[in-house]
Amino acid sequence: MEGINLQQMMQLSQQMQARVAEMQEKLERQTMVAASGGGMVEVTADGKGNIKGVSIDPAVVDPEEVEMLEDLIVAAASEVQRRARERLENEMRRAAGGLPLGGLGNLLGGP
């Protein structure tokens, strides 16, 4: 390959690894919230999609409606994780400086 210096490639690789590590630390410090049921259930996650908390409006806690509450929790958790994956992909693109990055979904356990 003409014009490519192996040492320069190694330096670029190390710089990119450092940017990715910095970006991942930044994402772990970020907080995201998604709600379902008109805000009756909220799920909080870090920027990497790790669930950190669940908030439930007491009005939703009805022993006759446990299945609905479970569905609301799953919906809010799925949405906050989707948002976190999207944010991670955007941050990875920015860290890569425009280089093509296939398979980003695997970083968060996505498909």
C-alpha atoms as a PDB file:
ATOM      1  CA  MET A   1       0.000   0.000   0.000  1.00  0.00           C
ATOM      2  CA  GLU A   2       1.514   3.202  -1.171  1.00  0.00           C
ATOM      3  CA  GLY A   3       1.758   6.186   1.144  1.00  0.00           C
ATOM      4  CA  ILE A   4       0.667   4.316   4.290  1.00  0.00           C
ATOM      5  CA  ASN A   5       3.151   4.235   7.124  1.00  0.00           C
ATOM      6  CA  LEU A   6       2.618   1.378   9.580  1.00  0.00           C
ATOM      7  CA  GLN A   7       3.731   3.547  12.484  1.00  0.00           C
ATOM      8  CA  GLN A   8       1.188   6.235  11.527  1.00  0.00           C
ATOM      9  CA  MET A   9      -1.543   3.606  11.315  1.00  0.00           C
ATOM     10  CA  MET A  10      -0.652   2.350  14.790  1.00  0.00           C
ATOM     11  CA  GLN A  11      -0.734   5.895  16.163  1.00  0.00           C
ATOM     12  CA  LEU A  12      -4.122   6.531  14.565  1.00  0.00           C
ATOM     13  CA  SER A  13      -5.413   3.262  15.997  1.00  0.00           C
ATOM     14  CA  GLN A  14      -4.214   4.188  19.486  1.00  0.00           C
ATOM     15  CA  GLN A  15      -5.778   7.640  19.197  1.00  0.00           C
ATOM     16  CA  MET A  16      -9.087   6.119  18.142  1.00  0.00           C
ATOM     17  CA  GLN A  17      -8.974   3.611  21.007  1.00  0.00           C
ATOM     18  CA  ALA A  18      -8.391   6.466  23.451  1.00  0.00           C
ATOM     19  CA  ARG A  19     -11.319   8.430  21.983  1.00  0.00           C
ATOM     20  CA  VAL A  20     -13.594   5.377  22.206  1.00  0.00           C
ATOM     21  CA  ALA A  21     -12.609   4.741  25.839  1.00  0.00           C
ATOM     22  CA  GLU A  22     -13.223   8.410  26.687  1.00  0.00           C
ATOM     23  CA  MET A  23     -16.578   8.327  24.897  1.00  0.00           C
ATOM     24  CA  GLN A  24     -17.652   5.177  26.762  1.00  0.00           C
ATOM     25  CA  GLU A  25     -16.783   6.758  30.120  1.00  0.00           C
ATOM     26  CA  LYS A  26     -18.760   9.862  29.126  1.00  0.00           C
ATOM     27  CA  LEU A  27     -21.779   7.724  28.182  1.00  0.00           C
ATOM     28  CA  GLU A  28     -21.673   5.896  31.524  1.00  0.00           C
ATOM     29  CA  ARG A  29     -21.985   9.278  33.293  1.00  0.00           C
ATOM     30  CA  GLN A  30     -24.950  10.398  31.185  1.00  0.00           C
ATOM     31  CA  THR A  31     -28.527   9.775  32.247  1.00  0.00           C
ATOM     32  CA  MET A  32     -31.451   9.089  29.934  1.00  0.00           C
ATOM     33  CA  VAL A  33     -35.125   8.729  30.833  1.00  0.00           C
ATOM     34  CA  ALA A  34     -37.954   7.195  28.824  1.00  0.00           C
ATOM     35  CA  ALA A  35     -41.596   7.031  29.885  1.00  0.00           C
ATOM     36  CA  SER A  36     -44.644   4.996  28.955  1.00  0.00           C
ATOM     37  CA  GLY A  37     -48.290   5.147  29.869  1.00  0.00           C
ATOM     38  CA  GLY A  38     -48.355   8.917  29.587  1.00  0.00           C
ATOM     39  CA  GLY A  39     -45.500   9.255  32.080  1.00  0.00           C
ATOM     40  CA  MET A  40     -46.895   6.809  34.627  1.00  0.00           C
ATOM     41  CA  VAL A  41     -43.810   4.599  34.291  1.00  0.00           C
ATOM     42  CA  GLU A  42     -40.327   6.019  33.797  1.00  0.00           C
ATOM     43  CA  VAL A  43     -37.115   4.083  33.311  1.00  0.00           C
ATOM     44  CA  THR A  44     -33.727   5.711  33.826  1.00  0.00           C
ATOM     45  CA  ALA A  45     -30.584   4.355  32.175  1.00  0.00           C
ATOM     46  CA  ASP A  46     -27.021   5.442  31.635  1.00  0.00           C
ATOM     47  CA  GLY A  47     -25.850   6.421  28.160  1.00  0.00           C
ATOM     48  CA  LYS A  48     -24.847   2.833  27.450  1.00  0.00           C
ATOM     49  CA  GLY A  49     -28.368   1.555  28.137  1.00  0.00           C
ATOM     50  CA  ASN A  50     -27.802   0.025  31.555  1.00  0.00           C
ATOM     51  CA  ILE A  51     -31.027   0.378  33.551  1.00  0.00           C
ATOM     52  CA  LYS A  52     -30.427   2.459  36.683  1.00  0.00           C
ATOM     53  CA  GLY A  53     -33.923   2.949  38.027  1.00  0.00           C
ATOM     54  CA  VAL A  54     -37.674   2.626  37.572  1.00  0.00           C
ATOM     55  CA  SER A  55     -40.275   5.106  38.776  1.00  0.00           C
ATOM     56  CA  ILE A  56     -43.938   4.100  38.961  1.00  0.00           C
ATOM     57  CA  ASP A  57     -46.862   6.441  39.582  1.00  0.00           C
ATOM     58  CA  PRO A  58     -48.854   4.932  42.491  1.00  0.00           C
ATOM     59  CA  ALA A  59     -52.047   5.364  40.471  1.00  0.00           C
ATOM     60  CA  VAL A  60     -50.850   2.549  38.179  1.00  0.00           C
ATOM     61  CA  VAL A  61     -50.360   0.062  41.005  1.00  0.00           C
ATOM     62  CA  ASP A  62     -53.574  -1.918  40.857  1.00  0.00           C
ATOM     63  CA  PRO A  63     -53.485  -5.618  41.781  1.00  0.00           C
ATOM     64  CA  GLU A  64     -55.988  -6.222  38.988  1.00  0.00           C
ATOM     65  CA  GLU A  65     -53.701  -4.577  36.395  1.00  0.00           C
ATOM     66  CA  VAL A  66     -50.280  -6.101  37.113  1.00  0.00           C
ATOM     67  CA  GLU A  67     -49.919  -7.295  33.511  1.00  0.00           C
ATOM     68  CA  MET A  68     -50.498  -3.756  32.182  1.00  0.00           C
ATOM     69  CA  LEU A  69     -47.877  -2.386  34.610  1.00  0.00           C
ATOM     70  CA  GLU A  70     -45.386  -5.027  33.462  1.00  0.00           C
ATOM     71  CA  ASP A  71     -46.040  -4.046  29.835  1.00  0.00           C
ATOM     72  CA  LEU A  72     -45.495  -0.355  30.647  1.00  0.00           C
ATOM     73  CA  ILE A  73     -42.168  -1.149  32.328  1.00  0.00           C
ATOM     74  CA  VAL A  74     -40.995  -3.224  29.368  1.00  0.00           C
ATOM     75  CA  ALA A  75     -42.043  -0.466  26.927  1.00  0.00           C
ATOM     76  CA  ALA A  76     -40.180   2.257  28.824  1.00  0.00           C
ATOM     77  CA  ALA A  77     -37.082   0.073  29.291  1.00  0.00           C
ATOM     78  CA  SER A  78     -37.008  -0.836  25.603  1.00  0.00           C
ATOM     79  CA  GLU A  79     -37.303   2.807  24.579  1.00  0.00           C
ATOM     80  CA  VAL A  80     -34.520   4.043  26.866  1.00  0.00           C
ATOM     81  CA  GLN A  81     -32.219   1.270  25.638  1.00  0.00           C
ATOM     82  CA  ARG A  82     -33.044   2.123  22.004  1.00  0.00           C
ATOM     83  CA  ARG A  83     -32.170   5.774  22.698  1.00  0.00           C
ATOM     84  CA  ALA A  84     -28.916   4.750  24.366  1.00  0.00           C
ATOM     85  CA  ARG A  85     -27.928   2.563  21.382  1.00  0.00           C
ATOM     86  CA  GLU A  86     -28.663   5.459  19.040  1.00  0.00           C
ATOM     87  CA  ARG A  87     -26.576   7.846  21.145  1.00  0.00           C
ATOM     88  CA  LEU A  88     -23.714   5.331  21.299  1.00  0.00           C
ATOM     89  CA  GLU A  89     -23.740   4.873  17.524  1.00  0.00           C
ATOM     90  CA  ASN A  90     -23.643   8.655  17.009  1.00  0.00           C
ATOM     91  CA  GLU A  91     -20.773   9.054  19.477  1.00  0.00           C
ATOM     92  CA  MET A  92     -18.860   6.183  17.838  1.00  0.00           C
ATOM     93  CA  ARG A  93     -19.232   7.795  14.400  1.00  0.00           C
ATOM     94  CA  ARG A  94     -17.938  11.057  15.813  1.00  0.00           C
ATOM     95  CA  ALA A  95     -15.002   9.313  17.556  1.00  0.00           C
ATOM     96  CA  ALA A  96     -14.122   7.470  14.345  1.00  0.00           C
ATOM     97  CA  GLY A  97     -13.837  10.711  12.428  1.00  0.00           C
ATOM     98  CA  GLY A  98     -15.930   9.494   9.502  1.00  0.00           C
ATOM     99  CA  LEU A  99     -14.406   6.033   9.162  1.00  0.00           C
ATOM    100  CA  PRO A 100     -16.943   3.317   8.293  1.00  0.00           C
ATOM    101  CA  LEU A 101     -17.989   1.389  11.399  1.00  0.00           C
ATOM    102  CA  GLY A 102     -19.996  -1.748  10.696  1.00  0.00           C
ATOM    103  CA  GLY A 103     -21.650  -3.792  13.443  1.00  0.00           C
ATOM    104  CA  LEU A 104     -22.056  -1.040  16.016  1.00  0.00           C
ATOM    105  CA  GLY A 105     -25.128  -2.728  17.440  1.00  0.00           C
ATOM    106  CA  ASN A 106     -22.930  -5.456  18.874  1.00  0.00           C
ATOM    107  CA  LEU A 107     -21.338  -2.995  21.275  1.00  0.00           C
ATOM    108  CA  LEU A 108     -24.539  -2.797  23.295  1.00  0.00           C
ATOM    109  CA  GLY A 109     -25.669  -6.321  22.683  1.00  0.00           C
ATOM    110  CA  GLY A 110     -27.977  -5.325  19.847  1.00  0.00           C
ATOM    111  CA  PRO A 111     -28.668  -7.375  16.707  1.00  0.00           C
END
